[in-house]
Amino acid sequence: MSHDQRRHPRVPMEITVELHCDGELPRRVQTIDLSGGGVMLLIPEGSVPAEGAEVKVRVCGQLGDGEAPPLVNARVVRRLPEGVAVEFLP
């Protein structure tokens, strides 16, 4: 998808998140970039969720107010050699 077609601008950002896939233990992966509509995840090893799979993503650590970050529903929209692109679901 070209930059002109994106609804949300992407920001390069490397943070650790938990990726929750059905039938698997949560695992920690790194983000590559982030936007208001989704995130690109670097998945260096292990199984990569299928395109269309619904997953959950949570930022590791605590928010500024000490609260645990929410578990966000997402869907895999693209699989790439280095990982997956997921869109956030309402």
C-alpha atoms as a PDB file:
ATOM      1  CA  MET A   1       0.000   0.000   0.000  1.00  0.00           C
ATOM      2  CA  SER A   2       1.417   3.388  -0.914  1.00  0.00           C
ATOM      3  CA  HIS A   3       1.848   6.179   1.621  1.00  0.00           C
ATOM      4  CA  ASP A   4      -0.887   8.157  -0.181  1.00  0.00           C
ATOM      5  CA  GLN A   5      -3.446   5.369   0.370  1.00  0.00           C
ATOM      6  CA  ARG A   6      -2.914   5.052   4.142  1.00  0.00           C
ATOM      7  CA  ARG A   7      -5.632   6.354   6.447  1.00  0.00           C
ATOM      8  CA  HIS A   8      -3.157   6.753   9.326  1.00  0.00           C
ATOM      9  CA  PRO A   9       0.474   7.900   9.101  1.00  0.00           C
ATOM     10  CA  ARG A  10       3.021   5.361  10.356  1.00  0.00           C
ATOM     11  CA  VAL A  11       5.644   6.210  12.930  1.00  0.00           C
ATOM     12  CA  PRO A  12       8.789   4.074  13.246  1.00  0.00           C
ATOM     13  CA  MET A  13       8.702   2.774  16.820  1.00  0.00           C
ATOM     14  CA  GLU A  14      10.434  -0.171  18.448  1.00  0.00           C
ATOM     15  CA  ILE A  15       8.660  -1.295  21.610  1.00  0.00           C
ATOM     16  CA  THR A  16       8.009  -4.690  23.145  1.00  0.00           C
ATOM     17  CA  VAL A  17       4.450  -6.008  22.980  1.00  0.00           C
ATOM     18  CA  GLU A  18       2.718  -9.258  23.876  1.00  0.00           C
ATOM     19  CA  LEU A  19       1.128 -11.053  20.940  1.00  0.00           C
ATOM     20  CA  HIS A  20      -1.783 -13.324  21.886  1.00  0.00           C
ATOM     21  CA  CYS A  21      -2.836 -15.885  19.250  1.00  0.00           C
ATOM     22  CA  ASP A  22      -5.556 -18.502  19.749  1.00  0.00           C
ATOM     23  CA  GLY A  23      -4.184 -21.791  21.018  1.00  0.00           C
ATOM     24  CA  GLU A  24      -0.723 -20.387  21.830  1.00  0.00           C
ATOM     25  CA  LEU A  25       0.938 -18.887  24.871  1.00  0.00           C
ATOM     26  CA  PRO A  26       1.427 -15.110  24.625  1.00  0.00           C
ATOM     27  CA  ARG A  27       4.859 -14.176  23.290  1.00  0.00           C
ATOM     28  CA  ARG A  28       6.884 -11.003  23.330  1.00  0.00           C
ATOM     29  CA  VAL A  29       7.687  -9.443  19.971  1.00  0.00           C
ATOM     30  CA  GLN A  30       8.965  -6.055  18.790  1.00  0.00           C
ATOM     31  CA  THR A  31       7.067  -3.432  16.860  1.00  0.00           C
ATOM     32  CA  ILE A  32       8.552  -2.009  13.665  1.00  0.00           C
ATOM     33  CA  ASP A  33       6.120   0.858  13.243  1.00  0.00           C
ATOM     34  CA  LEU A  34       2.830   2.043  14.678  1.00  0.00           C
ATOM     35  CA  SER A  35      -0.164   4.040  13.456  1.00  0.00           C
ATOM     36  CA  GLY A  36      -3.601   4.950  14.723  1.00  0.00           C
ATOM     37  CA  GLY A  37      -4.994   2.005  12.769  1.00  0.00           C
ATOM     38  CA  GLY A  38      -2.502  -0.770  13.437  1.00  0.00           C
ATOM     39  CA  VAL A  39       1.031  -1.966  14.016  1.00  0.00           C
ATOM     40  CA  MET A  40       3.761  -3.883  12.180  1.00  0.00           C
ATOM     41  CA  LEU A  41       5.211  -6.667  14.336  1.00  0.00           C
ATOM     42  CA  LEU A  42       8.630  -8.273  13.943  1.00  0.00           C
ATOM     43  CA  ILE A  43       8.281 -12.040  14.454  1.00  0.00           C
ATOM     44  CA  PRO A  44      11.767 -13.529  14.090  1.00  0.00           C
ATOM     45  CA  GLU A  45      10.939 -17.124  14.970  1.00  0.00           C
ATOM     46  CA  GLY A  46       8.045 -19.452  15.662  1.00  0.00           C
ATOM     47  CA  SER A  47       4.705 -19.603  13.974  1.00  0.00           C
ATOM     48  CA  VAL A  48       3.400 -16.528  12.204  1.00  0.00           C
ATOM     49  CA  PRO A  49      -0.368 -15.973  12.433  1.00  0.00           C
ATOM     50  CA  ALA A  50      -2.290 -16.458   9.189  1.00  0.00           C
ATOM     51  CA  GLU A  51      -3.618 -13.520   7.213  1.00  0.00           C
ATOM     52  CA  GLY A  52      -7.126 -12.804   8.507  1.00  0.00           C
ATOM     53  CA  ALA A  53      -6.413 -14.306  11.952  1.00  0.00           C
ATOM     54  CA  GLU A  54      -7.737 -12.360  14.913  1.00  0.00           C
ATOM     55  CA  VAL A  55      -5.093 -11.715  17.566  1.00  0.00           C
ATOM     56  CA  LYS A  56      -4.657  -9.533  20.633  1.00  0.00           C
ATOM     57  CA  VAL A  57      -1.795  -7.123  21.305  1.00  0.00           C
ATOM     58  CA  ARG A  58      -0.684  -5.504  24.578  1.00  0.00           C
ATOM     59  CA  VAL A  59       2.186  -3.102  25.237  1.00  0.00           C
ATOM     60  CA  CYS A  60       4.537  -4.602  27.842  1.00  0.00           C
ATOM     61  CA  GLY A  61       4.993  -2.651  31.050  1.00  0.00           C
ATOM     62  CA  GLN A  62       2.799  -0.046  32.677  1.00  0.00           C
ATOM     63  CA  LEU A  63       1.163   3.127  31.495  1.00  0.00           C
ATOM     64  CA  GLY A  64       2.062   6.498  33.004  1.00  0.00           C
ATOM     65  CA  ASP A  65      -0.671   6.197  35.630  1.00  0.00           C
ATOM     66  CA  GLY A  66       0.553   2.753  36.776  1.00  0.00           C
ATOM     67  CA  GLU A  67      -2.302   0.898  35.085  1.00  0.00           C
ATOM     68  CA  ALA A  68      -1.676  -2.213  33.005  1.00  0.00           C
ATOM     69  CA  PRO A  69      -2.092  -1.514  29.276  1.00  0.00           C
ATOM     70  CA  PRO A  70      -5.273  -2.872  27.674  1.00  0.00           C
ATOM     71  CA  LEU A  71      -5.354  -6.014  25.550  1.00  0.00           C
ATOM     72  CA  VAL A  72      -6.283  -4.704  22.077  1.00  0.00           C
ATOM     73  CA  ASN A  73      -8.178  -6.780  19.499  1.00  0.00           C
ATOM     74  CA  ALA A  74      -6.526  -6.852  16.081  1.00  0.00           C
ATOM     75  CA  ARG A  75      -6.578  -8.725  12.759  1.00  0.00           C
ATOM     76  CA  VAL A  76      -3.615  -9.805  10.629  1.00  0.00           C
ATOM     77  CA  VAL A  77      -3.898  -7.973   7.300  1.00  0.00           C
ATOM     78  CA  ARG A  78      -0.490  -8.843   5.775  1.00  0.00           C
ATOM     79  CA  ARG A  79       2.222 -11.435   6.293  1.00  0.00           C
ATOM     80  CA  LEU A  80       5.759 -10.419   5.404  1.00  0.00           C
ATOM     81  CA  PRO A  81       9.077 -12.276   5.707  1.00  0.00           C
ATOM     82  CA  GLU A  82       9.939 -10.336   8.864  1.00  0.00           C
ATOM     83  CA  GLY A  83       6.530 -10.485  10.555  1.00  0.00           C
ATOM     84  CA  VAL A  84       2.936  -9.320  10.242  1.00  0.00           C
ATOM     85  CA  ALA A  85       0.900  -6.145   9.861  1.00  0.00           C
ATOM     86  CA  VAL A  86      -2.190  -6.027  12.057  1.00  0.00           C
ATOM     87  CA  GLU A  87      -5.094  -3.593  12.084  1.00  0.00           C
ATOM     88  CA  PHE A  88      -6.756  -2.621  15.342  1.00  0.00           C
ATOM     89  CA  LEU A  89     -10.382  -3.701  15.702  1.00  0.00           C
ATOM     90  CA  PRO A  90     -13.088  -1.736  17.530  1.00  0.00           C
END
